[in-house]
Amino acid sequence: VQTQTDGRARISMADGSTVVVRPNSTIIIRDNESAEDGKRSNV
């Protein structure tokens, strides 16, 4: 995910956490999984 000078993004992950990417930033999602029972997750 890349944001330019005027860009920003809010992303919901599998474990219920929230990621906010601020302007002029680059992030890479490596893992994003959660068990069906919700007792185990890997982000």
PDB file of all heavy atoms in Angstrom:
ATOM      1  N   VAL A   1       0.857  -1.187   0.000  1.00  0.00           N
ATOM      2  CA  VAL A   1       0.000   0.000   0.000  1.00  0.00           C
ATOM      3  C   VAL A   1       0.891   1.235   0.000  1.00  0.00           C
ATOM      4  O   VAL A   1       1.766   1.376   0.864  1.00  0.00           O
ATOM      5  CB  VAL A   1      -0.938   0.026   1.222  1.00  0.00           C
ATOM      6  CG1 VAL A   1      -1.794   1.287   1.214  1.00  0.00           C
ATOM      7  CG2 VAL A   1      -1.826  -1.219   1.241  1.00  0.00           C
ATOM      8  N   GLN A   2       0.663   2.116  -0.976  1.00  0.00           N
ATOM      9  CA  GLN A   2       1.442   3.342  -1.091  1.00  0.00           C
ATOM     10  C   GLN A   2       0.515   4.554  -1.030  1.00  0.00           C
ATOM     11  O   GLN A   2      -0.480   4.608  -1.748  1.00  0.00           O
ATOM     12  CB  GLN A   2       2.226   3.377  -2.404  1.00  0.00           C
ATOM     13  CG  GLN A   2       3.353   2.381  -2.502  1.00  0.00           C
ATOM     14  CD  GLN A   2       4.101   2.478  -3.819  1.00  0.00           C
ATOM     15  OE1 GLN A   2       3.550   2.904  -4.827  1.00  0.00           O
ATOM     16  NE2 GLN A   2       5.357   2.090  -3.815  1.00  0.00           N
ATOM     17  N   THR A   3       0.845   5.521  -0.174  1.00  0.00           N
ATOM     18  CA  THR A   3       0.127   6.791  -0.134  1.00  0.00           C
ATOM     19  C   THR A   3       1.018   7.873  -0.709  1.00  0.00           C
ATOM     20  O   THR A   3       2.220   7.914  -0.417  1.00  0.00           O
ATOM     21  CB  THR A   3      -0.276   7.160   1.302  1.00  0.00           C
ATOM     22  OG1 THR A   3       0.902   7.209   2.124  1.00  0.00           O
ATOM     23  CG2 THR A   3      -1.251   6.142   1.878  1.00  0.00           C
ATOM     24  N   GLN A   4       0.437   8.740  -1.512  1.00  0.00           N
ATOM     25  CA  GLN A   4       1.182   9.854  -2.078  1.00  0.00           C
ATOM     26  C   GLN A   4       1.096  11.061  -1.138  1.00  0.00           C
ATOM     27  O   GLN A   4       0.640  10.948  -0.009  1.00  0.00           O
ATOM     28  CB  GLN A   4       0.642  10.179  -3.465  1.00  0.00           C
ATOM     29  CG  GLN A   4       0.573   8.983  -4.399  1.00  0.00           C
ATOM     30  CD  GLN A   4       1.890   8.241  -4.531  1.00  0.00           C
ATOM     31  OE1 GLN A   4       2.915   8.837  -4.852  1.00  0.00           O
ATOM     32  NE2 GLN A   4       1.879   6.937  -4.281  1.00  0.00           N
ATOM     33  N   THR A   5       1.518  12.226  -1.609  1.00  0.00           N
ATOM     34  CA  THR A   5       1.573  13.414  -0.755  1.00  0.00           C
ATOM     35  C   THR A   5       0.227  13.761  -0.145  1.00  0.00           C
ATOM     36  O   THR A   5       0.145  14.196   1.006  1.00  0.00           O
ATOM     37  CB  THR A   5       2.090  14.609  -1.574  1.00  0.00           C
ATOM     38  OG1 THR A   5       3.368  14.282  -2.138  1.00  0.00           O
ATOM     39  CG2 THR A   5       2.244  15.838  -0.705  1.00  0.00           C
ATOM     40  N   ASP A   6      -0.863  13.543  -0.911  1.00  0.00           N
ATOM     41  CA  ASP A   6      -2.192  13.896  -0.416  1.00  0.00           C
ATOM     42  C   ASP A   6      -2.991  12.669   0.023  1.00  0.00           C
ATOM     43  O   ASP A   6      -4.205  12.756   0.217  1.00  0.00           O
ATOM     44  CB  ASP A   6      -2.982  14.639  -1.502  1.00  0.00           C
ATOM     45  CG  ASP A   6      -3.233  13.772  -2.725  1.00  0.00           C
ATOM     46  OD1 ASP A   6      -2.494  12.780  -2.911  1.00  0.00           O
ATOM     47  OD2 ASP A   6      -4.154  14.081  -3.497  1.00  0.00           O
ATOM     48  N   GLY A   7      -2.339  11.536   0.182  1.00  0.00           N
ATOM     49  CA  GLY A   7      -3.063  10.296   0.472  1.00  0.00           C
ATOM     50  C   GLY A   7      -2.901   9.813   1.898  1.00  0.00           C
ATOM     51  O   GLY A   7      -1.845   9.991   2.516  1.00  0.00           O
ATOM     52  N   ARG A   8      -3.919   9.185   2.400  1.00  0.00           N
ATOM     53  CA  ARG A   8      -3.879   8.486   3.680  1.00  0.00           C
ATOM     54  C   ARG A   8      -4.956   7.415   3.656  1.00  0.00           C
ATOM     55  O   ARG A   8      -5.954   7.541   2.945  1.00  0.00           O
ATOM     56  CB  ARG A   8      -4.057   9.434   4.865  1.00  0.00           C
ATOM     57  CG  ARG A   8      -5.408  10.095   4.975  1.00  0.00           C
ATOM     58  CD  ARG A   8      -5.448  11.024   6.175  1.00  0.00           C
ATOM     59  NE  ARG A   8      -4.532  12.136   6.018  1.00  0.00           N
ATOM     60  CZ  ARG A   8      -4.021  12.824   7.039  1.00  0.00           C
ATOM     61  NH1 ARG A   8      -4.314  12.487   8.278  1.00  0.00           N
ATOM     62  NH2 ARG A   8      -3.213  13.837   6.826  1.00  0.00           N
ATOM     63  N   ALA A   9      -4.746   6.350   4.433  1.00  0.00           N
ATOM     64  CA  ALA A   9      -5.688   5.220   4.395  1.00  0.00           C
ATOM     65  C   ALA A   9      -5.820   4.603   5.774  1.00  0.00           C
ATOM     66  O   ALA A   9      -4.868   4.581   6.556  1.00  0.00           O
ATOM     67  CB  ALA A   9      -5.212   4.171   3.397  1.00  0.00           C
ATOM     68  N   ARG A  10      -7.028   4.088   6.052  1.00  0.00           N
ATOM     69  CA  ARG A  10      -7.319   3.369   7.288  1.00  0.00           C
ATOM     70  C   ARG A  10      -7.739   1.952   6.900  1.00  0.00           C
ATOM     71  O   ARG A  10      -8.665   1.769   6.116  1.00  0.00           O
ATOM     72  CB  ARG A  10      -8.421   4.068   8.076  1.00  0.00           C
ATOM     73  CG  ARG A  10      -8.738   3.435   9.432  1.00  0.00           C
ATOM     74  CD  ARG A  10      -9.872   4.187  10.106  1.00  0.00           C
ATOM     75  NE  ARG A  10      -9.509   5.563  10.361  1.00  0.00           N
ATOM     76  CZ  ARG A  10      -8.927   5.993  11.474  1.00  0.00           C
ATOM     77  NH1 ARG A  10      -8.653   5.131  12.448  1.00  0.00           N
ATOM     78  NH2 ARG A  10      -8.623   7.262  11.628  1.00  0.00           N
ATOM     79  N   ILE A  11      -7.029   0.944   7.453  1.00  0.00           N
ATOM     80  CA  ILE A  11      -7.210  -0.443   7.023  1.00  0.00           C
ATOM     81  C   ILE A  11      -7.581  -1.306   8.219  1.00  0.00           C
ATOM     82  O   ILE A  11      -6.992  -1.190   9.297  1.00  0.00           O
ATOM     83  CB  ILE A  11      -5.923  -0.981   6.373  1.00  0.00           C
ATOM     84  CG1 ILE A  11      -5.527  -0.100   5.181  1.00  0.00           C
ATOM     85  CG2 ILE A  11      -6.081  -2.423   5.932  1.00  0.00           C
ATOM     86  CD1 ILE A  11      -4.154  -0.420   4.623  1.00  0.00           C
ATOM     87  N   SER A  12      -8.559  -2.194   8.021  1.00  0.00           N
ATOM     88  CA  SER A  12      -8.983  -3.144   9.051  1.00  0.00           C
ATOM     89  C   SER A  12      -8.294  -4.479   8.816  1.00  0.00           C
ATOM     90  O   SER A  12      -8.349  -5.033   7.716  1.00  0.00           O
ATOM     91  CB  SER A  12     -10.497  -3.310   9.009  1.00  0.00           C
ATOM     92  OG  SER A  12     -10.918  -4.316   9.916  1.00  0.00           O
ATOM     93  N   MET A  13      -7.659  -5.020   9.869  1.00  0.00           N
ATOM     94  CA  MET A  13      -6.932  -6.274   9.768  1.00  0.00           C
ATOM     95  C   MET A  13      -7.755  -7.424  10.345  1.00  0.00           C
ATOM     96  O   MET A  13      -8.794  -7.225  10.970  1.00  0.00           O
ATOM     97  CB  MET A  13      -5.587  -6.160  10.495  1.00  0.00           C
ATOM     98  CG  MET A  13      -4.744  -4.958  10.066  1.00  0.00           C
ATOM     99  SD  MET A  13      -4.324  -4.946   8.313  1.00  0.00           S
ATOM    100  CE  MET A  13      -3.192  -6.333   8.236  1.00  0.00           C
ATOM    101  N   ALA A  14      -7.264  -8.663  10.137  1.00  0.00           N
ATOM    102  CA  ALA A  14      -8.019  -9.860  10.507  1.00  0.00           C
ATOM    103  C   ALA A  14      -8.258  -9.978  12.005  1.00  0.00           C
ATOM    104  O   ALA A  14      -9.243 -10.578  12.436  1.00  0.00           O
ATOM    105  CB  ALA A  14      -7.298 -11.101   9.988  1.00  0.00           C
ATOM    106  N   ASP A  15      -7.372  -9.426  12.836  1.00  0.00           N
ATOM    107  CA  ASP A  15      -7.521  -9.554  14.283  1.00  0.00           C
ATOM    108  C   ASP A  15      -8.333  -8.417  14.898  1.00  0.00           C
ATOM    109  O   ASP A  15      -8.425  -8.305  16.119  1.00  0.00           O
ATOM    110  CB  ASP A  15      -6.145  -9.619  14.945  1.00  0.00           C
ATOM    111  CG  ASP A  15      -5.329  -8.342  14.739  1.00  0.00           C
ATOM    112  OD1 ASP A  15      -5.721  -7.516  13.885  1.00  0.00           O
ATOM    113  OD2 ASP A  15      -4.297  -8.182  15.411  1.00  0.00           O
ATOM    114  N   GLY A  16      -8.925  -7.563  14.057  1.00  0.00           N
ATOM    115  CA  GLY A  16      -9.707  -6.450  14.550  1.00  0.00           C
ATOM    116  C   GLY A  16      -8.905  -5.183  14.770  1.00  0.00           C
ATOM    117  O   GLY A  16      -9.471  -4.145  15.136  1.00  0.00           O
ATOM    118  N   SER A  17      -7.610  -5.235  14.556  1.00  0.00           N
ATOM    119  CA  SER A  17      -6.780  -4.041  14.710  1.00  0.00           C
ATOM    120  C   SER A  17      -6.971  -3.107  13.521  1.00  0.00           C
ATOM    121  O   SER A  17      -7.462  -3.500  12.462  1.00  0.00           O
ATOM    122  CB  SER A  17      -5.308  -4.424  14.842  1.00  0.00           C
ATOM    123  OG  SER A  17      -4.841  -5.059  13.659  1.00  0.00           O
ATOM    124  N   THR A  18      -6.570  -1.843  13.708  1.00  0.00           N
ATOM    125  CA  THR A  18      -6.697  -0.832  12.668  1.00  0.00           C
ATOM    126  C   THR A  18      -5.323  -0.250  12.361  1.00  0.00           C
ATOM    127  O   THR A  18      -4.566   0.081  13.270  1.00  0.00           O
ATOM    128  CB  THR A  18      -7.635   0.297  13.111  1.00  0.00           C
ATOM    129  OG1 THR A  18      -8.926  -0.253  13.398  1.00  0.00           O
ATOM    130  CG2 THR A  18      -7.781   1.340  12.020  1.00  0.00           C
ATOM    131  N   VAL A  19      -5.029  -0.140  11.079  1.00  0.00           N
ATOM    132  CA  VAL A  19      -3.771   0.424  10.609  1.00  0.00           C
ATOM    133  C   VAL A  19      -4.074   1.715   9.860  1.00  0.00           C
ATOM    134  O   VAL A  19      -4.942   1.738   8.982  1.00  0.00           O
ATOM    135  CB  VAL A  19      -3.037  -0.566   9.677  1.00  0.00           C
ATOM    136  CG1 VAL A  19      -1.922   0.117   8.919  1.00  0.00           C
ATOM    137  CG2 VAL A  19      -2.502  -1.737  10.482  1.00  0.00           C
ATOM    138  N   VAL A  20      -3.387   2.796  10.209  1.00  0.00           N
ATOM    139  CA  VAL A  20      -3.537   4.081   9.530  1.00  0.00           C
ATOM    140  C   VAL A  20      -2.223   4.393   8.825  1.00  0.00           C
ATOM    141  O   VAL A  20      -1.183   4.544   9.474  1.00  0.00           O
ATOM    142  CB  VAL A  20      -3.905   5.207  10.509  1.00  0.00           C
ATOM    143  CG1 VAL A  20      -4.012   6.537   9.763  1.00  0.00           C
ATOM    144  CG2 VAL A  20      -5.210   4.895  11.221  1.00  0.00           C
ATOM    145  N   VAL A  21      -2.283   4.485   7.508  1.00  0.00           N
ATOM    146  CA  VAL A  21      -1.102   4.798   6.699  1.00  0.00           C
ATOM    147  C   VAL A  21      -1.131   6.283   6.393  1.00  0.00           C
ATOM    148  O   VAL A  21      -2.066   6.778   5.755  1.00  0.00           O
ATOM    149  CB  VAL A  21      -1.080   3.979   5.401  1.00  0.00           C
ATOM    150  CG1 VAL A  21       0.254   4.151   4.689  1.00  0.00           C
ATOM    151  CG2 VAL A  21      -1.342   2.506   5.675  1.00  0.00           C
ATOM    152  N   ARG A  22      -0.133   7.006   6.833  1.00  0.00           N
ATOM    153  CA  ARG A  22      -0.102   8.453   6.669  1.00  0.00           C
ATOM    154  C   ARG A  22       0.525   8.837   5.322  1.00  0.00           C
ATOM    155  O   ARG A  22       1.059   7.981   4.625  1.00  0.00           O
ATOM    156  CB  ARG A  22       0.642   9.083   7.847  1.00  0.00           C
ATOM    157  CG  ARG A  22      -0.189   8.970   9.131  1.00  0.00           C
ATOM    158  CD  ARG A  22       0.503   9.418  10.359  1.00  0.00           C
ATOM    159  NE  ARG A  22      -0.403   9.406  11.523  1.00  0.00           N
ATOM    160  CZ  ARG A  22      -0.018   9.415  12.771  1.00  0.00           C
ATOM    161  NH1 ARG A  22       1.272   9.427  13.063  1.00  0.00           N
ATOM    162  NH2 ARG A  22      -0.896   9.397  13.751  1.00  0.00           N
ATOM    163  N   PRO A  23       0.452  10.131   4.924  1.00  0.00           N
ATOM    164  CA  PRO A  23       0.939  10.529   3.598  1.00  0.00           C
ATOM    165  C   PRO A  23       2.414  10.175   3.365  1.00  0.00           C
ATOM    166  O   PRO A  23       3.210  10.100   4.305  1.00  0.00           O
ATOM    167  CB  PRO A  23       0.729  12.051   3.601  1.00  0.00           C
ATOM    168  CG  PRO A  23      -0.401  12.278   4.556  1.00  0.00           C
ATOM    169  CD  PRO A  23      -0.220  11.246   5.632  1.00  0.00           C
ATOM    170  N   ASN A  24       2.736   9.949   2.086  1.00  0.00           N
ATOM    171  CA  ASN A  24       4.109   9.641   1.656  1.00  0.00           C
ATOM    172  C   ASN A  24       4.669   8.419   2.392  1.00  0.00           C
ATOM    173  O   ASN A  24       5.786   8.449   2.907  1.00  0.00           O
ATOM    174  CB  ASN A  24       5.028  10.842   1.877  1.00  0.00           C
ATOM    175  CG  ASN A  24       4.767  11.952   0.871  1.00  0.00           C
ATOM    176  OD1 ASN A  24       4.499  11.687  -0.300  1.00  0.00           O
ATOM    177  ND2 ASN A  24       4.836  13.188   1.325  1.00  0.00           N
ATOM    178  N   SER A  25       3.883   7.362   2.439  1.00  0.00           N
ATOM    179  CA  SER A  25       4.294   6.157   3.168  1.00  0.00           C
ATOM    180  C   SER A  25       4.081   4.913   2.314  1.00  0.00           C
ATOM    181  O   SER A  25       3.228   4.894   1.419  1.00  0.00           O
ATOM    182  CB  SER A  25       3.520   6.021   4.484  1.00  0.00           C
ATOM    183  OG  SER A  25       3.705   7.151   5.314  1.00  0.00           O
ATOM    184  N   THR A  26       4.852   3.875   2.628  1.00  0.00           N
ATOM    185  CA  THR A  26       4.726   2.584   1.954  1.00  0.00           C
ATOM    186  C   THR A  26       4.753   1.481   3.000  1.00  0.00           C
ATOM    187  O   THR A  26       5.678   1.408   3.812  1.00  0.00           O
ATOM    188  CB  THR A  26       5.873   2.354   0.956  1.00  0.00           C
ATOM    189  OG1 THR A  26       5.837   3.374  -0.049  1.00  0.00           O
ATOM    190  CG2 THR A  26       5.748   0.997   0.279  1.00  0.00           C
ATOM    191  N   ILE A  27       3.723   0.622   2.987  1.00  0.00           N
ATOM    192  CA  ILE A  27       3.687  -0.519   3.894  1.00  0.00           C
ATOM    193  C   ILE A  27       3.446  -1.795   3.091  1.00  0.00           C
ATOM    194  O   ILE A  27       2.937  -1.749   1.963  1.00  0.00           O
ATOM    195  CB  ILE A  27       2.595  -0.371   4.977  1.00  0.00           C
ATOM    196  CG1 ILE A  27       1.201  -0.541   4.356  1.00  0.00           C
ATOM    197  CG2 ILE A  27       2.720   0.954   5.709  1.00  0.00           C
ATOM    198  CD1 ILE A  27       0.112  -0.776   5.363  1.00  0.00           C
ATOM    199  N   ILE A  28       3.805  -2.930   3.674  1.00  0.00           N
ATOM    200  CA  ILE A  28       3.601  -4.230   3.044  1.00  0.00           C
ATOM    201  C   ILE A  28       2.893  -5.144   4.041  1.00  0.00           C
ATOM    202  O   ILE A  28       3.321  -5.253   5.193  1.00  0.00           O
ATOM    203  CB  ILE A  28       4.940  -4.862   2.620  1.00  0.00           C
ATOM    204  CG1 ILE A  28       5.714  -3.921   1.709  1.00  0.00           C
ATOM    205  CG2 ILE A  28       4.704  -6.201   1.917  1.00  0.00           C
ATOM    206  CD1 ILE A  28       7.144  -4.360   1.459  1.00  0.00           C
ATOM    207  N   ILE A  29       1.820  -5.776   3.604  1.00  0.00           N
ATOM    208  CA  ILE A  29       1.103  -6.728   4.454  1.00  0.00           C
ATOM    209  C   ILE A  29       1.747  -8.102   4.277  1.00  0.00           C
ATOM    210  O   ILE A  29       1.705  -8.680   3.192  1.00  0.00           O
ATOM    211  CB  ILE A  29      -0.385  -6.777   4.082  1.00  0.00           C
ATOM    212  CG1 ILE A  29      -1.021  -5.416   4.362  1.00  0.00           C
ATOM    213  CG2 ILE A  29      -1.102  -7.878   4.868  1.00  0.00           C
ATOM    214  CD1 ILE A  29      -2.459  -5.318   3.958  1.00  0.00           C
ATOM    215  N   ARG A  30       2.346  -8.627   5.335  1.00  0.00           N
ATOM    216  CA  ARG A  30       3.019  -9.925   5.274  1.00  0.00           C
ATOM    217  C   ARG A  30       2.088 -11.069   5.683  1.00  0.00           C
ATOM    218  O   ARG A  30       2.025 -12.095   5.017  1.00  0.00           O
ATOM    219  CB  ARG A  30       4.260  -9.919   6.179  1.00  0.00           C
ATOM    220  CG  ARG A  30       5.390  -9.043   5.697  1.00  0.00           C
ATOM    221  CD  ARG A  30       5.888  -9.494   4.354  1.00  0.00           C
ATOM    222  NE  ARG A  30       7.085  -8.765   3.952  1.00  0.00           N
ATOM    223  CZ  ARG A  30       7.494  -8.647   2.701  1.00  0.00           C
ATOM    224  NH1 ARG A  30       6.805  -9.213   1.718  1.00  0.00           N
ATOM    225  NH2 ARG A  30       8.580  -7.971   2.409  1.00  0.00           N
ATOM    226  N   ASP A  31       1.395 -10.916   6.810  1.00  0.00           N
ATOM    227  CA  ASP A  31       0.466 -11.940   7.287  1.00  0.00           C
ATOM    228  C   ASP A  31      -0.820 -11.257   7.732  1.00  0.00           C
ATOM    229  O   ASP A  31      -0.792 -10.149   8.273  1.00  0.00           O
ATOM    230  CB  ASP A  31       1.053 -12.735   8.464  1.00  0.00           C
ATOM    231  CG  ASP A  31       2.300 -13.505   8.070  1.00  0.00           C
ATOM    232  OD1 ASP A  31       2.215 -14.297   7.122  1.00  0.00           O
ATOM    233  OD2 ASP A  31       3.347 -13.309   8.715  1.00  0.00           O
ATOM    234  N   ASN A  32      -1.935 -11.949   7.516  1.00  0.00           N
ATOM    235  CA  ASN A  32      -3.223 -11.422   7.952  1.00  0.00           C
ATOM    236  C   ASN A  32      -4.212 -12.579   8.024  1.00  0.00           C
ATOM    237  O   ASN A  32      -4.959 -12.839   7.094  1.00  0.00           O
ATOM    238  CB  ASN A  32      -3.729 -10.349   6.984  1.00  0.00           C
ATOM    239  CG  ASN A  32      -5.018  -9.721   7.460  1.00  0.00           C
ATOM    240  OD1 ASN A  32      -5.104  -9.254   8.589  1.00  0.00           O
ATOM    241  ND2 ASN A  32      -6.030  -9.708   6.603  1.00  0.00           N
ATOM    242  N   GLU A  33      -4.198 -13.286   9.148  1.00  0.00           N
ATOM    243  CA  GLU A  33      -5.055 -14.451   9.283  1.00  0.00           C
ATOM    244  C   GLU A  33      -5.587 -14.546  10.707  1.00  0.00           C
ATOM    245  O   GLU A  33      -4.957 -14.092  11.653  1.00  0.00           O
ATOM    246  CB  GLU A  33      -4.305 -15.733   8.922  1.00  0.00           C
ATOM    247  CG  GLU A  33      -3.044 -15.958   9.754  1.00  0.00           C
ATOM    248  CD  GLU A  33      -2.254 -17.174   9.299  1.00  0.00           C
ATOM    249  OE1 GLU A  33      -2.668 -17.801   8.310  1.00  0.00           O
ATOM    250  OE2 GLU A  33      -1.236 -17.488   9.936  1.00  0.00           O
ATOM    251  N   SER A  34      -6.770 -15.166  10.820  1.00  0.00           N
ATOM    252  CA  SER A  34      -7.400 -15.350  12.115  1.00  0.00           C
ATOM    253  C   SER A  34      -8.163 -16.661  12.108  1.00  0.00           C
ATOM    254  O   SER A  34      -8.805 -17.020  11.107  1.00  0.00           O
ATOM    255  CB  SER A  34      -8.358 -14.188  12.420  1.00  0.00           C
ATOM    256  OG  SER A  34      -9.003 -14.368  13.661  1.00  0.00           O
ATOM    257  N   ALA A  35      -8.077 -17.407  13.213  1.00  0.00           N
ATOM    258  CA  ALA A  35      -8.796 -18.672  13.324  1.00  0.00           C
ATOM    259  C   ALA A  35     -10.296 -18.416  13.384  1.00  0.00           C
ATOM    260  O   ALA A  35     -10.744 -17.341  13.780  1.00  0.00           O
ATOM    261  CB  ALA A  35      -8.342 -19.436  14.563  1.00  0.00           C
ATOM    262  N   GLU A  36     -11.072 -19.442  12.996  1.00  0.00           N
ATOM    263  CA  GLU A  36     -12.518 -19.298  12.960  1.00  0.00           C
ATOM    264  C   GLU A  36     -13.101 -18.985  14.328  1.00  0.00           C
ATOM    265  O   GLU A  36     -14.078 -18.250  14.450  1.00  0.00           O
ATOM    266  CB  GLU A  36     -13.160 -20.574  12.408  1.00  0.00           C
ATOM    267  CG  GLU A  36     -12.826 -20.835  10.950  1.00  0.00           C
ATOM    268  CD  GLU A  36     -13.501 -22.088  10.433  1.00  0.00           C
ATOM    269  OE1 GLU A  36     -14.420 -22.573  11.105  1.00  0.00           O
ATOM    270  OE2 GLU A  36     -13.115 -22.582   9.371  1.00  0.00           O
ATOM    271  N   ASP A  37     -12.507 -19.522  15.378  1.00  0.00           N
ATOM    272  CA  ASP A  37     -13.042 -19.276  16.716  1.00  0.00           C
ATOM    273  C   ASP A  37     -12.589 -17.939  17.291  1.00  0.00           C
ATOM    274  O   ASP A  37     -13.009 -17.545  18.382  1.00  0.00           O
ATOM    275  CB  ASP A  37     -12.649 -20.414  17.667  1.00  0.00           C
ATOM    276  CG  ASP A  37     -11.131 -20.626  17.736  1.00  0.00           C
ATOM    277  OD1 ASP A  37     -10.384 -19.797  17.161  1.00  0.00           O
ATOM    278  OD2 ASP A  37     -10.704 -21.626  18.343  1.00  0.00           O
ATOM    279  N   GLY A  38     -11.716 -17.236  16.572  1.00  0.00           N
ATOM    280  CA  GLY A  38     -11.252 -15.929  17.014  1.00  0.00           C
ATOM    281  C   GLY A  38     -10.248 -15.961  18.147  1.00  0.00           C
ATOM    282  O   GLY A  38      -9.858 -14.910  18.657  1.00  0.00           O
ATOM    283  N   LYS A  39      -9.783 -17.155  18.547  1.00  0.00           N
ATOM    284  CA  LYS A  39      -8.862 -17.264  19.675  1.00  0.00           C
ATOM    285  C   LYS A  39      -7.401 -17.156  19.252  1.00  0.00           C
ATOM    286  O   LYS A  39      -6.524 -17.059  20.111  1.00  0.00           O
ATOM    287  CB  LYS A  39      -9.096 -18.589  20.407  1.00  0.00           C
ATOM    288  CG  LYS A  39     -10.473 -18.690  21.059  1.00  0.00           C
ATOM    289  CD  LYS A  39     -10.631 -20.014  21.793  1.00  0.00           C
ATOM    290  CE  LYS A  39     -11.995 -20.100  22.468  1.00  0.00           C
ATOM    291  NZ  LYS A  39     -12.181 -21.393  23.188  1.00  0.00           N
ATOM    292  N   ARG A  40      -7.157 -17.193  17.966  1.00  0.00           N
ATOM    293  CA  ARG A  40      -5.763 -17.112  17.495  1.00  0.00           C
ATOM    294  C   ARG A  40      -5.724 -16.302  16.207  1.00  0.00           C
ATOM    295  O   ARG A  40      -6.547 -16.491  15.320  1.00  0.00           O
ATOM    296  CB  ARG A  40      -5.212 -18.518  17.243  1.00  0.00           C
ATOM    297  CG  ARG A  40      -3.773 -18.530  16.731  1.00  0.00           C
ATOM    298  CD  ARG A  40      -3.306 -19.966  16.518  1.00  0.00           C
ATOM    299  NE  ARG A  40      -4.223 -20.703  15.653  1.00  0.00           N
ATOM    300  CZ  ARG A  40      -4.209 -20.631  14.312  1.00  0.00           C
ATOM    301  NH1 ARG A  40      -3.352 -19.824  13.701  1.00  0.00           N
ATOM    302  NH2 ARG A  40      -5.068 -21.350  13.597  1.00  0.00           N
ATOM    303  N   SER A  41      -4.781 -15.378  16.137  1.00  0.00           N
ATOM    304  CA  SER A  41      -4.623 -14.561  14.936  1.00  0.00           C
ATOM    305  C   SER A  41      -3.148 -14.268  14.719  1.00  0.00           C
ATOM    306  O   SER A  41      -2.335 -14.318  15.650  1.00  0.00           O
ATOM    307  CB  SER A  41      -5.413 -13.250  15.043  1.00  0.00           C
ATOM    308  OG  SER A  41      -4.967 -12.494  16.160  1.00  0.00           O
ATOM    309  N   ASN A  42      -2.813 -13.954  13.484  1.00  0.00           N
ATOM    310  CA  ASN A  42      -1.429 -13.656  13.113  1.00  0.00           C
ATOM    311  C   ASN A  42      -1.447 -12.516  12.103  1.00  0.00           C
ATOM    312  O   ASN A  42      -1.832 -12.705  10.941  1.00  0.00           O
ATOM    313  CB  ASN A  42      -0.751 -14.889  12.522  1.00  0.00           C
ATOM    314  CG  ASN A  42       0.704 -14.622  12.162  1.00  0.00           C
ATOM    315  OD1 ASN A  42       1.347 -13.752  12.753  1.00  0.00           O
ATOM    316  ND2 ASN A  42       1.229 -15.366  11.202  1.00  0.00           N
ATOM    317  N   VAL A  43      -1.050 -11.326  12.554  1.00  0.00           N
ATOM    318  CA  VAL A  43      -1.006 -10.145  11.700  1.00  0.00           C
ATOM    319  C   VAL A  43       0.411  -9.586  11.724  1.00  0.00           C
ATOM    320  O   VAL A  43       0.991  -9.392  12.798  1.00  0.00           O
ATOM    321  CB  VAL A  43      -2.008  -9.081  12.180  1.00  0.00           C
ATOM    322  CG1 VAL A  43      -1.799  -7.776  11.428  1.00  0.00           C
ATOM    323  CG2 VAL A  43      -3.434  -9.580  12.012  1.00  0.00           C
TER     324      VAL A  43
END
